[in-house]
Amino acid sequence: MNCFADINGGIGVRVSGNDMRWIGGLIIGAFNSGSEGEIGLQFVTGPEGPAGCVIDTKVMGCGTAAVDFGADKGNIVRASLWQPDPTKGWIGTPSAQSQVALTQKLGDVSKTLVIQSQFDLREQATPAAPFADSVRVFARDSGGKTQLCALFPNGTLKVLAAEA
């Protein structure tokens, strides 16, 4: 909680494990856009992770990037960024299982990254009808094409989307 990482080159916080928390605090670089390799927060491959981590902090002045998603395997990352070069916000691609909210300065929407969790529906046989107060959403194969379907309590099936 409220930890401080002051770096002048190198990595501020390296995350390689699972279920780590970095809440509050500050990660601060040298404010030199020529500081190659200077990264505020970096996800690196560990024995099983990194996954299930929660990061909520501020990252400032890192020469290469504020966040490196290189080995991200499903984490929650919220960070307010203040990068002298706004193109140095993040590198790599967050995992599809991650929730990300990186905000560069105040309201600079062109340099903001926000990703909410996604889910993956896999094809299955048509399931049983749901309870009276719910709708079941599932994917199925119909004639070699994937369909996204909704099944209602009365047994009505509606195809919401179909592969072209």
N, C-alpha and C. Protein backbone atom coordinates (compact mmCIF):
# COMPACT_ATOMS: atom_id res chain seq x y z
N MET A 1 0.85 -1.18 0.00
CA MET A 1 0.00 0.00 0.00
C MET A 1 0.89 1.24 0.00
N ASN A 2 0.57 2.15 -0.91
CA ASN A 2 1.24 3.44 -0.99
C ASN A 2 2.76 3.35 -1.05
N CYS A 3 3.26 2.38 -1.80
CA CYS A 3 4.71 2.23 -1.98
C CYS A 3 5.21 3.22 -3.02
N PHE A 4 6.52 3.42 -3.04
CA PHE A 4 7.14 4.38 -3.93
C PHE A 4 8.28 3.70 -4.66
N ALA A 5 8.32 3.82 -5.99
CA ALA A 5 9.43 3.29 -6.77
C ALA A 5 10.02 4.45 -7.55
N ASP A 6 11.23 4.85 -7.21
CA ASP A 6 11.92 5.95 -7.87
C ASP A 6 13.04 5.35 -8.71
N ILE A 7 12.91 5.46 -10.04
CA ILE A 7 13.89 4.83 -10.90
C ILE A 7 14.58 5.86 -11.78
N ASN A 8 15.80 5.55 -12.15
CA ASN A 8 16.56 6.36 -13.08
C ASN A 8 17.16 5.38 -14.07
N GLY A 9 16.31 4.89 -14.95
CA GLY A 9 16.70 3.80 -15.85
C GLY A 9 16.25 2.49 -15.23
N GLY A 10 16.00 1.48 -16.05
CA GLY A 10 15.60 0.17 -15.54
C GLY A 10 14.10 0.06 -15.37
N ILE A 11 13.69 -0.83 -14.48
CA ILE A 11 12.28 -1.15 -14.25
C ILE A 11 11.89 -0.72 -12.85
N GLY A 12 10.75 -0.05 -12.74
CA GLY A 12 10.27 0.39 -11.43
C GLY A 12 9.67 -0.75 -10.63
N VAL A 13 8.65 -1.40 -11.15
CA VAL A 13 7.99 -2.52 -10.49
C VAL A 13 7.86 -3.64 -11.52
N ARG A 14 8.43 -4.80 -11.20
CA ARG A 14 8.37 -5.97 -12.08
C ARG A 14 7.43 -6.99 -11.43
N VAL A 15 6.40 -7.42 -12.17
CA VAL A 15 5.41 -8.35 -11.65
C VAL A 15 5.57 -9.69 -12.37
N SER A 16 5.87 -10.76 -11.62
CA SER A 16 6.03 -12.08 -12.23
C SER A 16 5.19 -13.15 -11.54
N GLY A 17 4.58 -12.83 -10.43
CA GLY A 17 3.79 -13.82 -9.69
C GLY A 17 2.30 -13.57 -9.82
N ASN A 18 1.54 -14.37 -9.12
CA ASN A 18 0.09 -14.27 -9.13
C ASN A 18 -0.41 -13.57 -7.89
N ASP A 19 -1.58 -12.97 -8.00
CA ASP A 19 -2.32 -12.40 -6.86
C ASP A 19 -1.56 -11.33 -6.08
N MET A 20 -0.71 -10.58 -6.74
CA MET A 20 0.02 -9.47 -6.11
C MET A 20 -0.86 -8.23 -6.11
N ARG A 21 -0.68 -7.36 -5.13
CA ARG A 21 -1.43 -6.10 -5.05
C ARG A 21 -0.43 -4.94 -4.95
N TRP A 22 -0.63 -3.90 -5.76
CA TRP A 22 0.13 -2.64 -5.65
C TRP A 22 -0.94 -1.56 -5.66
N ILE A 23 -1.29 -1.07 -4.49
CA ILE A 23 -2.39 -0.13 -4.35
C ILE A 23 -1.85 1.21 -3.88
N GLY A 24 -2.21 2.26 -4.62
CA GLY A 24 -1.75 3.61 -4.28
C GLY A 24 -0.30 3.80 -4.68
N GLY A 25 0.33 4.71 -4.04
CA GLY A 25 1.75 4.93 -4.29
C GLY A 25 2.05 5.58 -5.62
N LEU A 26 3.33 5.51 -5.99
CA LEU A 26 3.83 6.22 -7.16
C LEU A 26 5.02 5.49 -7.73
N ILE A 27 5.06 5.40 -9.06
CA ILE A 27 6.23 4.89 -9.78
C ILE A 27 6.73 6.05 -10.61
N ILE A 28 7.96 6.49 -10.37
CA ILE A 28 8.45 7.69 -11.03
C ILE A 28 9.79 7.44 -11.71
N GLY A 29 9.86 7.82 -12.99
CA GLY A 29 11.08 7.67 -13.77
C GLY A 29 11.92 8.93 -13.75
N ALA A 30 12.90 8.99 -14.64
CA ALA A 30 13.86 10.09 -14.68
C ALA A 30 13.37 11.28 -15.49
N PHE A 31 12.17 11.22 -16.07
CA PHE A 31 11.62 12.28 -16.92
C PHE A 31 12.55 12.59 -18.08
N ASN A 32 13.14 11.53 -18.64
CA ASN A 32 14.06 11.67 -19.76
C ASN A 32 13.59 10.72 -20.85
N SER A 33 13.00 11.24 -21.93
CA SER A 33 12.45 10.37 -22.96
C SER A 33 13.54 9.56 -23.66
N GLY A 34 14.80 9.88 -23.43
CA GLY A 34 15.89 9.11 -24.00
C GLY A 34 16.34 7.97 -23.11
N SER A 35 15.67 7.76 -21.98
CA SER A 35 16.04 6.68 -21.06
C SER A 35 15.54 5.36 -21.60
N GLU A 36 16.30 4.76 -22.53
CA GLU A 36 15.91 3.49 -23.12
C GLU A 36 15.85 2.40 -22.07
N GLY A 37 14.80 1.59 -22.13
CA GLY A 37 14.65 0.50 -21.19
C GLY A 37 13.99 0.90 -19.88
N GLU A 38 13.69 2.18 -19.70
CA GLU A 38 13.06 2.63 -18.45
C GLU A 38 11.55 2.41 -18.54
N ILE A 39 11.05 1.48 -17.72
CA ILE A 39 9.64 1.10 -17.72
C ILE A 39 9.13 1.18 -16.28
N GLY A 40 7.97 1.79 -16.11
CA GLY A 40 7.40 1.93 -14.78
C GLY A 40 6.91 0.61 -14.19
N LEU A 41 6.03 -0.07 -14.90
CA LEU A 41 5.42 -1.31 -14.44
C LEU A 41 5.56 -2.33 -15.55
N GLN A 42 6.14 -3.51 -15.24
CA GLN A 42 6.38 -4.51 -16.27
C GLN A 42 5.89 -5.88 -15.81
N PHE A 43 5.10 -6.53 -16.67
CA PHE A 43 4.67 -7.90 -16.43
C PHE A 43 5.64 -8.84 -17.12
N VAL A 44 6.29 -9.72 -16.35
CA VAL A 44 7.25 -10.68 -16.90
C VAL A 44 6.83 -12.09 -16.52
N THR A 45 7.22 -13.06 -17.34
CA THR A 45 6.84 -14.45 -17.11
C THR A 45 7.43 -14.97 -15.81
N GLY A 46 6.57 -15.56 -14.99
CA GLY A 46 6.99 -16.19 -13.75
C GLY A 46 6.63 -17.66 -13.81
N PRO A 47 6.74 -18.38 -12.68
CA PRO A 47 6.43 -19.81 -12.67
C PRO A 47 5.01 -20.12 -13.18
N GLU A 48 4.03 -19.28 -12.85
CA GLU A 48 2.66 -19.50 -13.29
C GLU A 48 2.00 -18.24 -13.81
N GLY A 49 2.54 -17.10 -13.52
CA GLY A 49 1.84 -15.85 -13.78
C GLY A 49 2.55 -14.99 -14.78
N PRO A 50 2.27 -13.73 -14.73
CA PRO A 50 1.46 -13.05 -13.72
C PRO A 50 -0.03 -13.03 -14.06
N ALA A 51 -0.84 -13.39 -13.08
CA ALA A 51 -2.29 -13.36 -13.24
C ALA A 51 -2.93 -13.06 -11.90
N GLY A 52 -4.11 -12.48 -11.94
CA GLY A 52 -4.86 -12.20 -10.72
C GLY A 52 -4.31 -11.06 -9.90
N CYS A 53 -3.46 -10.23 -10.48
CA CYS A 53 -2.87 -9.10 -9.75
C CYS A 53 -3.76 -7.87 -9.89
N VAL A 54 -3.70 -7.00 -8.89
CA VAL A 54 -4.42 -5.74 -8.92
C VAL A 54 -3.40 -4.62 -8.74
N ILE A 55 -3.35 -3.73 -9.72
CA ILE A 55 -2.44 -2.59 -9.69
C ILE A 55 -3.29 -1.33 -9.79
N ASP A 56 -3.13 -0.42 -8.85
CA ASP A 56 -3.86 0.85 -8.86
C ASP A 56 -2.89 1.91 -8.38
N THR A 57 -2.32 2.70 -9.31
CA THR A 57 -1.22 3.58 -8.95
C THR A 57 -1.12 4.75 -9.92
N LYS A 58 -0.07 5.53 -9.78
CA LYS A 58 0.27 6.62 -10.70
C LYS A 58 1.67 6.34 -11.20
N VAL A 59 1.89 6.52 -12.52
CA VAL A 59 3.19 6.30 -13.13
C VAL A 59 3.58 7.58 -13.85
N MET A 60 4.80 8.07 -13.59
CA MET A 60 5.24 9.33 -14.16
C MET A 60 6.65 9.24 -14.73
N GLY A 61 6.85 9.88 -15.87
CA GLY A 61 8.18 10.18 -16.39
C GLY A 61 9.05 9.02 -16.80
N CYS A 62 8.50 7.93 -17.31
CA CYS A 62 9.31 6.77 -17.71
C CYS A 62 9.67 6.87 -19.19
N GLY A 63 10.96 6.70 -19.52
CA GLY A 63 11.48 6.94 -20.85
C GLY A 63 11.00 6.00 -21.93
N THR A 64 10.78 4.72 -21.63
CA THR A 64 10.34 3.77 -22.66
C THR A 64 8.83 3.58 -22.62
N ALA A 65 8.25 3.32 -21.45
CA ALA A 65 6.80 3.14 -21.30
C ALA A 65 6.43 3.17 -19.83
N ALA A 66 5.21 3.60 -19.57
CA ALA A 66 4.70 3.54 -18.20
C ALA A 66 4.38 2.10 -17.83
N VAL A 67 3.78 1.34 -18.77
CA VAL A 67 3.39 -0.05 -18.51
C VAL A 67 3.81 -0.93 -19.70
N ASP A 68 4.38 -2.10 -19.37
CA ASP A 68 4.74 -3.11 -20.37
C ASP A 68 3.88 -4.34 -20.10
N PHE A 69 2.94 -4.63 -21.00
CA PHE A 69 2.02 -5.75 -20.84
C PHE A 69 2.59 -7.05 -21.39
N GLY A 70 3.88 -7.13 -21.67
CA GLY A 70 4.51 -8.26 -22.34
C GLY A 70 4.04 -9.64 -21.93
N ALA A 71 3.97 -9.94 -20.64
CA ALA A 71 3.61 -11.28 -20.18
C ALA A 71 2.30 -11.29 -19.38
N ASP A 72 1.49 -10.28 -19.56
CA ASP A 72 0.22 -10.16 -18.84
C ASP A 72 -0.67 -11.37 -19.13
N LYS A 73 -1.20 -12.00 -18.05
CA LYS A 73 -2.04 -13.18 -18.21
C LYS A 73 -3.40 -13.02 -17.56
N GLY A 74 -3.84 -11.79 -17.36
CA GLY A 74 -5.16 -11.56 -16.76
C GLY A 74 -5.05 -10.84 -15.44
N ASN A 75 -4.99 -9.53 -15.47
CA ASN A 75 -4.82 -8.71 -14.27
C ASN A 75 -5.74 -7.50 -14.35
N ILE A 76 -5.83 -6.79 -13.24
CA ILE A 76 -6.56 -5.52 -13.19
C ILE A 76 -5.51 -4.43 -13.05
N VAL A 77 -5.46 -3.52 -14.01
CA VAL A 77 -4.46 -2.45 -13.99
C VAL A 77 -5.18 -1.11 -14.16
N ARG A 78 -5.11 -0.28 -13.13
CA ARG A 78 -5.63 1.08 -13.19
C ARG A 78 -4.47 2.00 -12.86
N ALA A 79 -4.16 2.90 -13.77
CA ALA A 79 -3.05 3.81 -13.51
C ALA A 79 -3.31 5.16 -14.15
N SER A 80 -2.98 6.19 -13.41
CA SER A 80 -2.98 7.54 -13.94
C SER A 80 -1.55 7.79 -14.40
N LEU A 81 -1.38 8.18 -15.67
CA LEU A 81 -0.06 8.36 -16.24
C LEU A 81 0.25 9.83 -16.42
N TRP A 82 1.50 10.18 -16.23
CA TRP A 82 1.99 11.50 -16.61
C TRP A 82 3.33 11.28 -17.26
N GLN A 83 3.28 11.12 -18.57
CA GLN A 83 4.47 10.87 -19.37
C GLN A 83 4.80 12.12 -20.17
N PRO A 84 6.05 12.63 -20.09
CA PRO A 84 6.42 13.80 -20.88
C PRO A 84 6.17 13.57 -22.37
N ASP A 85 6.40 12.32 -22.83
CA ASP A 85 6.09 11.95 -24.21
C ASP A 85 4.87 11.05 -24.15
N PRO A 86 3.67 11.56 -24.48
CA PRO A 86 2.45 10.78 -24.33
C PRO A 86 2.38 9.53 -25.19
N THR A 87 3.27 9.37 -26.17
CA THR A 87 3.28 8.14 -26.97
C THR A 87 3.95 7.00 -26.20
N LYS A 88 4.50 7.27 -25.03
CA LYS A 88 5.20 6.26 -24.23
C LYS A 88 4.32 5.75 -23.08
N GLY A 89 3.01 5.66 -23.32
CA GLY A 89 2.09 5.20 -22.28
C GLY A 89 2.23 3.72 -21.97
N TRP A 90 2.16 2.86 -22.99
CA TRP A 90 2.24 1.42 -22.76
C TRP A 90 2.82 0.74 -23.99
N ILE A 91 3.37 -0.45 -23.74
CA ILE A 91 3.83 -1.31 -24.82
C ILE A 91 3.26 -2.70 -24.56
N GLY A 92 3.20 -3.50 -25.60
CA GLY A 92 2.62 -4.84 -25.47
C GLY A 92 1.11 -4.77 -25.52
N THR A 93 0.48 -5.93 -25.44
CA THR A 93 -0.97 -6.04 -25.52
C THR A 93 -1.50 -6.71 -24.27
N PRO A 94 -2.44 -6.09 -23.58
CA PRO A 94 -3.02 -6.73 -22.41
C PRO A 94 -3.73 -8.03 -22.78
N SER A 95 -3.75 -8.98 -21.85
CA SER A 95 -4.47 -10.24 -22.03
C SER A 95 -5.96 -9.95 -22.21
N ALA A 96 -6.65 -10.81 -22.93
CA ALA A 96 -8.10 -10.67 -23.12
C ALA A 96 -8.84 -10.77 -21.79
N GLN A 97 -8.22 -11.36 -20.77
CA GLN A 97 -8.86 -11.50 -19.46
C GLN A 97 -8.58 -10.31 -18.54
N SER A 98 -7.80 -9.35 -18.98
CA SER A 98 -7.43 -8.21 -18.13
C SER A 98 -8.46 -7.10 -18.19
N GLN A 99 -8.53 -6.34 -17.12
CA GLN A 99 -9.28 -5.09 -17.07
C GLN A 99 -8.24 -3.99 -16.96
N VAL A 100 -8.29 -3.04 -17.88
CA VAL A 100 -7.25 -2.01 -17.94
C VAL A 100 -7.89 -0.64 -18.01
N ALA A 101 -7.37 0.30 -17.23
CA ALA A 101 -7.76 1.71 -17.33
C ALA A 101 -6.50 2.54 -17.13
N LEU A 102 -5.88 2.94 -18.23
CA LEU A 102 -4.71 3.82 -18.19
C LEU A 102 -5.15 5.18 -18.69
N THR A 103 -4.96 6.20 -17.88
CA THR A 103 -5.37 7.55 -18.24
C THR A 103 -4.15 8.44 -18.30
N GLN A 104 -3.86 9.01 -19.47
CA GLN A 104 -2.72 9.90 -19.66
C GLN A 104 -3.16 11.32 -19.36
N LYS A 105 -2.52 11.93 -18.39
CA LYS A 105 -2.86 13.29 -17.95
C LYS A 105 -4.35 13.35 -17.64
N LEU A 106 -4.96 14.46 -17.77
CA LEU A 106 -6.36 14.58 -17.43
C LEU A 106 -7.20 14.69 -18.69
N GLY A 107 -7.89 13.63 -19.04
CA GLY A 107 -8.83 13.67 -20.14
C GLY A 107 -8.24 13.63 -21.53
N ASP A 108 -6.97 13.24 -21.71
CA ASP A 108 -6.39 13.13 -23.05
C ASP A 108 -6.83 11.80 -23.64
N VAL A 109 -8.02 11.79 -24.27
CA VAL A 109 -8.61 10.54 -24.74
C VAL A 109 -7.79 9.86 -25.83
N SER A 110 -6.96 10.59 -26.53
CA SER A 110 -6.16 9.97 -27.58
C SER A 110 -5.04 9.12 -27.00
N LYS A 111 -4.68 9.31 -25.75
CA LYS A 111 -3.60 8.56 -25.11
C LYS A 111 -4.10 7.75 -23.92
N THR A 112 -5.38 7.39 -23.95
CA THR A 112 -6.00 6.63 -22.87
C THR A 112 -6.34 5.24 -23.38
N LEU A 113 -6.11 4.22 -22.54
CA LEU A 113 -6.43 2.84 -22.87
C LEU A 113 -7.38 2.31 -21.81
N VAL A 114 -8.58 1.91 -22.22
CA VAL A 114 -9.55 1.33 -21.29
C VAL A 114 -10.07 0.05 -21.91
N ILE A 115 -9.90 -1.06 -21.20
CA ILE A 115 -10.35 -2.37 -21.65
C ILE A 115 -11.09 -3.03 -20.50
N GLN A 116 -12.29 -3.48 -20.75
CA GLN A 116 -13.04 -4.21 -19.75
C GLN A 116 -12.96 -5.70 -20.07
N SER A 117 -13.27 -6.51 -19.11
CA SER A 117 -13.20 -7.97 -19.28
C SER A 117 -14.07 -8.42 -20.45
N GLN A 118 -13.64 -9.49 -21.07
CA GLN A 118 -14.39 -10.12 -22.14
C GLN A 118 -14.69 -11.54 -21.71
N PHE A 119 -15.56 -12.20 -22.42
CA PHE A 119 -15.77 -13.62 -22.15
C PHE A 119 -15.77 -14.35 -23.48
N ASP A 120 -15.53 -15.62 -23.42
CA ASP A 120 -15.37 -16.45 -24.60
C ASP A 120 -16.45 -17.53 -24.56
N LEU A 121 -17.34 -17.54 -25.54
CA LEU A 121 -18.37 -18.57 -25.63
C LEU A 121 -17.90 -19.64 -26.60
N ARG A 122 -17.93 -20.87 -26.18
CA ARG A 122 -17.54 -21.97 -27.05
C ARG A 122 -18.79 -22.75 -27.46
N GLU A 123 -18.74 -23.30 -28.66
CA GLU A 123 -19.88 -24.05 -29.17
C GLU A 123 -20.26 -25.19 -28.22
N GLN A 124 -21.57 -25.42 -28.10
CA GLN A 124 -22.07 -26.51 -27.27
C GLN A 124 -23.42 -26.96 -27.82
N ALA A 125 -23.88 -28.08 -27.32
CA ALA A 125 -25.23 -28.54 -27.68
C ALA A 125 -26.24 -27.59 -27.05
N THR A 126 -27.42 -27.50 -27.62
CA THR A 126 -28.44 -26.63 -27.06
C THR A 126 -28.74 -27.06 -25.62
N PRO A 127 -28.56 -26.15 -24.66
CA PRO A 127 -28.78 -26.52 -23.25
C PRO A 127 -30.27 -26.52 -22.89
N ALA A 128 -30.54 -26.92 -21.67
CA ALA A 128 -31.92 -26.91 -21.15
C ALA A 128 -32.37 -25.46 -20.99
N ALA A 129 -33.68 -25.25 -21.01
CA ALA A 129 -34.23 -23.91 -20.83
C ALA A 129 -33.83 -23.36 -19.46
N PRO A 130 -33.63 -22.05 -19.36
CA PRO A 130 -33.23 -21.45 -18.08
C PRO A 130 -34.42 -21.29 -17.13
N PHE A 131 -34.13 -20.84 -15.91
CA PHE A 131 -35.17 -20.56 -14.93
C PHE A 131 -36.08 -19.44 -15.44
N ALA A 132 -37.22 -19.28 -14.82
CA ALA A 132 -38.25 -18.34 -15.27
C ALA A 132 -37.78 -16.89 -15.35
N ASP A 133 -36.86 -16.48 -14.53
CA ASP A 133 -36.45 -15.07 -14.52
C ASP A 133 -35.10 -14.82 -15.20
N SER A 134 -34.72 -15.68 -16.16
CA SER A 134 -33.41 -15.51 -16.80
C SER A 134 -33.45 -15.90 -18.27
N VAL A 135 -32.36 -15.57 -18.96
CA VAL A 135 -32.17 -15.93 -20.36
C VAL A 135 -30.80 -16.60 -20.45
N ARG A 136 -30.71 -17.68 -21.19
CA ARG A 136 -29.43 -18.39 -21.35
C ARG A 136 -28.84 -18.01 -22.71
N VAL A 137 -27.60 -17.53 -22.72
CA VAL A 137 -26.90 -17.19 -23.95
C VAL A 137 -25.82 -18.24 -24.18
N PHE A 138 -25.75 -18.76 -25.41
CA PHE A 138 -24.78 -19.80 -25.72
C PHE A 138 -24.42 -19.75 -27.20
N ALA A 139 -23.36 -20.44 -27.56
CA ALA A 139 -22.94 -20.55 -28.96
C ALA A 139 -23.16 -22.00 -29.39
N ARG A 140 -23.52 -22.17 -30.66
CA ARG A 140 -23.72 -23.51 -31.17
C ARG A 140 -23.28 -23.57 -32.63
N ASP A 141 -23.14 -24.79 -33.12
CA ASP A 141 -22.81 -25.01 -34.52
C ASP A 141 -24.10 -25.39 -35.25
N SER A 142 -24.35 -24.72 -36.36
CA SER A 142 -25.52 -25.05 -37.17
C SER A 142 -25.07 -25.10 -38.63
N GLY A 143 -24.98 -26.31 -39.17
CA GLY A 143 -24.56 -26.47 -40.56
C GLY A 143 -23.14 -25.99 -40.81
N GLY A 144 -22.25 -26.16 -39.83
CA GLY A 144 -20.86 -25.75 -39.99
C GLY A 144 -20.61 -24.28 -39.70
N LYS A 145 -21.62 -23.54 -39.29
CA LYS A 145 -21.50 -22.11 -38.99
C LYS A 145 -21.80 -21.90 -37.50
N THR A 146 -21.04 -21.01 -36.87
CA THR A 146 -21.26 -20.70 -35.46
C THR A 146 -22.37 -19.69 -35.32
N GLN A 147 -23.28 -19.95 -34.36
CA GLN A 147 -24.37 -19.03 -34.06
C GLN A 147 -24.32 -18.64 -32.59
N LEU A 148 -24.62 -17.38 -32.31
CA LEU A 148 -24.80 -16.91 -30.94
C LEU A 148 -26.31 -16.89 -30.70
N CYS A 149 -26.74 -17.61 -29.65
CA CYS A 149 -28.18 -17.81 -29.44
C CYS A 149 -28.60 -17.39 -28.04
N ALA A 150 -29.88 -17.04 -27.93
CA ALA A 150 -30.52 -16.78 -26.64
C ALA A 150 -31.66 -17.78 -26.49
N LEU A 151 -31.71 -18.42 -25.33
CA LEU A 151 -32.77 -19.39 -25.04
C LEU A 151 -33.61 -18.85 -23.88
N PHE A 152 -34.90 -18.75 -24.10
CA PHE A 152 -35.81 -18.17 -23.12
C PHE A 152 -36.48 -19.26 -22.29
N PRO A 153 -37.04 -18.90 -21.13
CA PRO A 153 -37.63 -19.89 -20.23
C PRO A 153 -38.73 -20.74 -20.88
N ASN A 154 -39.47 -20.19 -21.83
CA ASN A 154 -40.54 -20.95 -22.48
C ASN A 154 -40.03 -21.86 -23.59
N GLY A 155 -38.70 -21.92 -23.77
CA GLY A 155 -38.10 -22.78 -24.78
C GLY A 155 -37.84 -22.11 -26.12
N THR A 156 -38.27 -20.86 -26.26
CA THR A 156 -38.03 -20.12 -27.50
C THR A 156 -36.55 -19.87 -27.68
N LEU A 157 -36.04 -20.13 -28.88
CA LEU A 157 -34.64 -19.95 -29.21
C LEU A 157 -34.53 -18.83 -30.24
N LYS A 158 -33.70 -17.84 -29.98
CA LYS A 158 -33.49 -16.74 -30.92
C LYS A 158 -32.02 -16.69 -31.29
N VAL A 159 -31.72 -16.69 -32.58
CA VAL A 159 -30.34 -16.53 -33.06
C VAL A 159 -30.02 -15.05 -33.05
N LEU A 160 -29.03 -14.68 -32.26
CA LEU A 160 -28.65 -13.26 -32.13
C LEU A 160 -27.65 -12.84 -33.21
N ALA A 161 -26.75 -13.76 -33.57
CA ALA A 161 -25.75 -13.48 -34.60
C ALA A 161 -25.32 -14.82 -35.20
N ALA A 162 -24.93 -14.77 -36.47
CA ALA A 162 -24.50 -15.99 -37.15
C ALA A 162 -23.28 -15.69 -38.00
N GLU A 163 -22.39 -16.66 -38.06
CA GLU A 163 -21.19 -16.55 -38.89
C GLU A 163 -21.61 -16.50 -40.36
N ALA A 164 -21.01 -15.58 -41.09
CA ALA A 164 -21.37 -15.42 -42.52
C ALA A 164 -20.78 -16.52 -43.37
